[in-house]
Amino acid sequence: MDAAIGDASVAVLLSQSMAERRHLLDSAFELSLDLHHPVYDCVYIALALRRDMPLVTADERLVAAVHKSPKVASRVIRLADLPD
């Protein structure tokens, strides 16, 4: 795992209350199992779902993984697909 990605995941978690962290980690772990994708990326997806916001990413592996789940795929947007 890239250190910067890991640090960013930790920062996301620390910005939440203890109860929110637990829920976020539970959701991220479930997503990780469903998508067969690393949990540290799934933290961002779980947060986007929880806040009802899109997740914009340049991570093609993440984009490919989320397309296995219609519920999640609609929340993740490829950076390259954004208008100029």
C-alpha atoms as a PDB file:
ATOM      1  CA  MET A   1       0.000   0.000   0.000  1.00  0.00           C
ATOM      2  CA  ASP A   2       1.258   3.432  -0.892  1.00  0.00           C
ATOM      3  CA  ALA A   3       2.061   5.367   2.316  1.00  0.00           C
ATOM      4  CA  ALA A   4       0.202   8.494   1.165  1.00  0.00           C
ATOM      5  CA  ILE A   5      -2.953   6.482   0.468  1.00  0.00           C
ATOM      6  CA  GLY A   6      -2.728   4.828   3.869  1.00  0.00           C
ATOM      7  CA  ASP A   7      -2.189   8.181   5.577  1.00  0.00           C
ATOM      8  CA  ALA A   8      -5.192   9.663   3.778  1.00  0.00           C
ATOM      9  CA  SER A   9      -7.367   6.713   4.853  1.00  0.00           C
ATOM     10  CA  VAL A  10      -6.305   7.239   8.463  1.00  0.00           C
ATOM     11  CA  ALA A  11      -7.056  10.970   8.213  1.00  0.00           C
ATOM     12  CA  VAL A  12     -10.571  10.210   6.931  1.00  0.00           C
ATOM     13  CA  LEU A  13     -11.176   7.858   9.839  1.00  0.00           C
ATOM     14  CA  LEU A  14      -9.808  10.241  12.456  1.00  0.00           C
ATOM     15  CA  SER A  15     -12.115  13.008  11.272  1.00  0.00           C
ATOM     16  CA  GLN A  16     -15.126  10.888  12.340  1.00  0.00           C
ATOM     17  CA  SER A  17     -16.594  10.244  15.798  1.00  0.00           C
ATOM     18  CA  MET A  18     -15.933   6.816  17.336  1.00  0.00           C
ATOM     19  CA  ALA A  19     -19.421   5.540  16.392  1.00  0.00           C
ATOM     20  CA  GLU A  20     -19.081   6.924  12.862  1.00  0.00           C
ATOM     21  CA  ARG A  21     -15.638   5.305  12.533  1.00  0.00           C
ATOM     22  CA  ARG A  22     -17.006   1.936  13.550  1.00  0.00           C
ATOM     23  CA  HIS A  23     -19.867   2.181  11.068  1.00  0.00           C
ATOM     24  CA  LEU A  24     -17.534   3.437   8.337  1.00  0.00           C
ATOM     25  CA  LEU A  25     -15.038   0.609   8.934  1.00  0.00           C
ATOM     26  CA  ASP A  26     -17.802  -2.000   9.001  1.00  0.00           C
ATOM     27  CA  SER A  27     -19.148  -0.664   5.696  1.00  0.00           C
ATOM     28  CA  ALA A  28     -15.667  -0.477   4.177  1.00  0.00           C
ATOM     29  CA  PHE A  29     -14.899  -4.040   5.230  1.00  0.00           C
ATOM     30  CA  GLU A  30     -18.176  -5.289   3.707  1.00  0.00           C
ATOM     31  CA  LEU A  31     -17.446  -3.428   0.479  1.00  0.00           C
ATOM     32  CA  SER A  32     -13.929  -4.819   0.431  1.00  0.00           C
ATOM     33  CA  LEU A  33     -15.262  -8.362   0.648  1.00  0.00           C
ATOM     34  CA  ASP A  34     -17.995  -7.745  -1.941  1.00  0.00           C
ATOM     35  CA  LEU A  35     -15.701  -6.012  -4.427  1.00  0.00           C
ATOM     36  CA  HIS A  36     -12.550  -8.040  -3.714  1.00  0.00           C
ATOM     37  CA  HIS A  37     -10.728  -4.738  -3.346  1.00  0.00           C
ATOM     38  CA  PRO A  38      -8.438  -3.353  -0.588  1.00  0.00           C
ATOM     39  CA  VAL A  39     -10.270  -1.981   2.428  1.00  0.00           C
ATOM     40  CA  TYR A  40      -8.295   1.284   2.446  1.00  0.00           C
ATOM     41  CA  ASP A  41      -9.904   2.263  -0.885  1.00  0.00           C
ATOM     42  CA  CYS A  42     -13.279   1.071   0.326  1.00  0.00           C
ATOM     43  CA  VAL A  43     -13.141   3.564   3.214  1.00  0.00           C
ATOM     44  CA  TYR A  44     -13.529   6.349   0.644  1.00  0.00           C
ATOM     45  CA  ILE A  45     -16.430   4.554  -1.046  1.00  0.00           C
ATOM     46  CA  ALA A  46     -18.155   3.958   2.298  1.00  0.00           C
ATOM     47  CA  LEU A  47     -17.762   7.622   3.203  1.00  0.00           C
ATOM     48  CA  ALA A  48     -19.150   8.739  -0.168  1.00  0.00           C
ATOM     49  CA  LEU A  49     -22.141   6.414   0.262  1.00  0.00           C
ATOM     50  CA  ARG A  50     -22.723   7.576   3.835  1.00  0.00           C
ATOM     51  CA  ARG A  51     -22.635  11.248   2.841  1.00  0.00           C
ATOM     52  CA  ASP A  52     -24.590  10.640  -0.373  1.00  0.00           C
ATOM     53  CA  MET A  53     -21.804  12.184  -2.429  1.00  0.00           C
ATOM     54  CA  PRO A  54     -19.912  10.962  -5.476  1.00  0.00           C
ATOM     55  CA  LEU A  55     -16.340   9.733  -5.205  1.00  0.00           C
ATOM     56  CA  VAL A  56     -14.095  11.048  -7.973  1.00  0.00           C
ATOM     57  CA  THR A  57     -10.994   8.949  -8.581  1.00  0.00           C
ATOM     58  CA  ALA A  58      -8.185   8.429 -11.067  1.00  0.00           C
ATOM     59  CA  ASP A  59      -7.690   4.880  -9.746  1.00  0.00           C
ATOM     60  CA  GLU A  60      -8.653   2.629 -12.655  1.00  0.00           C
ATOM     61  CA  ARG A  61      -8.474  -0.514 -10.483  1.00  0.00           C
ATOM     62  CA  LEU A  62     -11.017   1.006  -8.117  1.00  0.00           C
ATOM     63  CA  VAL A  63     -13.303   2.018 -10.995  1.00  0.00           C
ATOM     64  CA  ALA A  64     -13.121  -1.514 -12.426  1.00  0.00           C
ATOM     65  CA  ALA A  65     -13.873  -3.046  -9.027  1.00  0.00           C
ATOM     66  CA  VAL A  66     -16.942  -0.903  -8.305  1.00  0.00           C
ATOM     67  CA  HIS A  67     -18.571  -1.737 -11.602  1.00  0.00           C
ATOM     68  CA  LYS A  68     -19.287  -5.180 -10.114  1.00  0.00           C
ATOM     69  CA  SER A  69     -21.836  -3.529  -7.820  1.00  0.00           C
ATOM     70  CA  PRO A  70     -24.594  -1.333  -9.294  1.00  0.00           C
ATOM     71  CA  LYS A  71     -25.214   0.322  -5.898  1.00  0.00           C
ATOM     72  CA  VAL A  72     -21.600   1.454  -5.707  1.00  0.00           C
ATOM     73  CA  ALA A  73     -20.866   2.006  -9.402  1.00  0.00           C
ATOM     74  CA  SER A  74     -23.308   4.890  -9.573  1.00  0.00           C
ATOM     75  CA  ARG A  75     -21.386   6.721  -6.812  1.00  0.00           C
ATOM     76  CA  VAL A  76     -17.873   6.459  -8.321  1.00  0.00           C
ATOM     77  CA  ILE A  77     -16.799   8.753 -11.142  1.00  0.00           C
ATOM     78  CA  ARG A  78     -13.585   8.451 -13.138  1.00  0.00           C
ATOM     79  CA  LEU A  79     -11.580  11.665 -13.019  1.00  0.00           C
ATOM     80  CA  ALA A  80     -11.056  11.386 -16.783  1.00  0.00           C
ATOM     81  CA  ASP A  81     -14.844  11.418 -17.301  1.00  0.00           C
ATOM     82  CA  LEU A  82     -15.295  14.852 -15.734  1.00  0.00           C
ATOM     83  CA  PRO A  83     -15.924  17.692 -18.178  1.00  0.00           C
ATOM     84  CA  ASP A  84     -12.958  19.962 -18.905  1.00  0.00           C
END
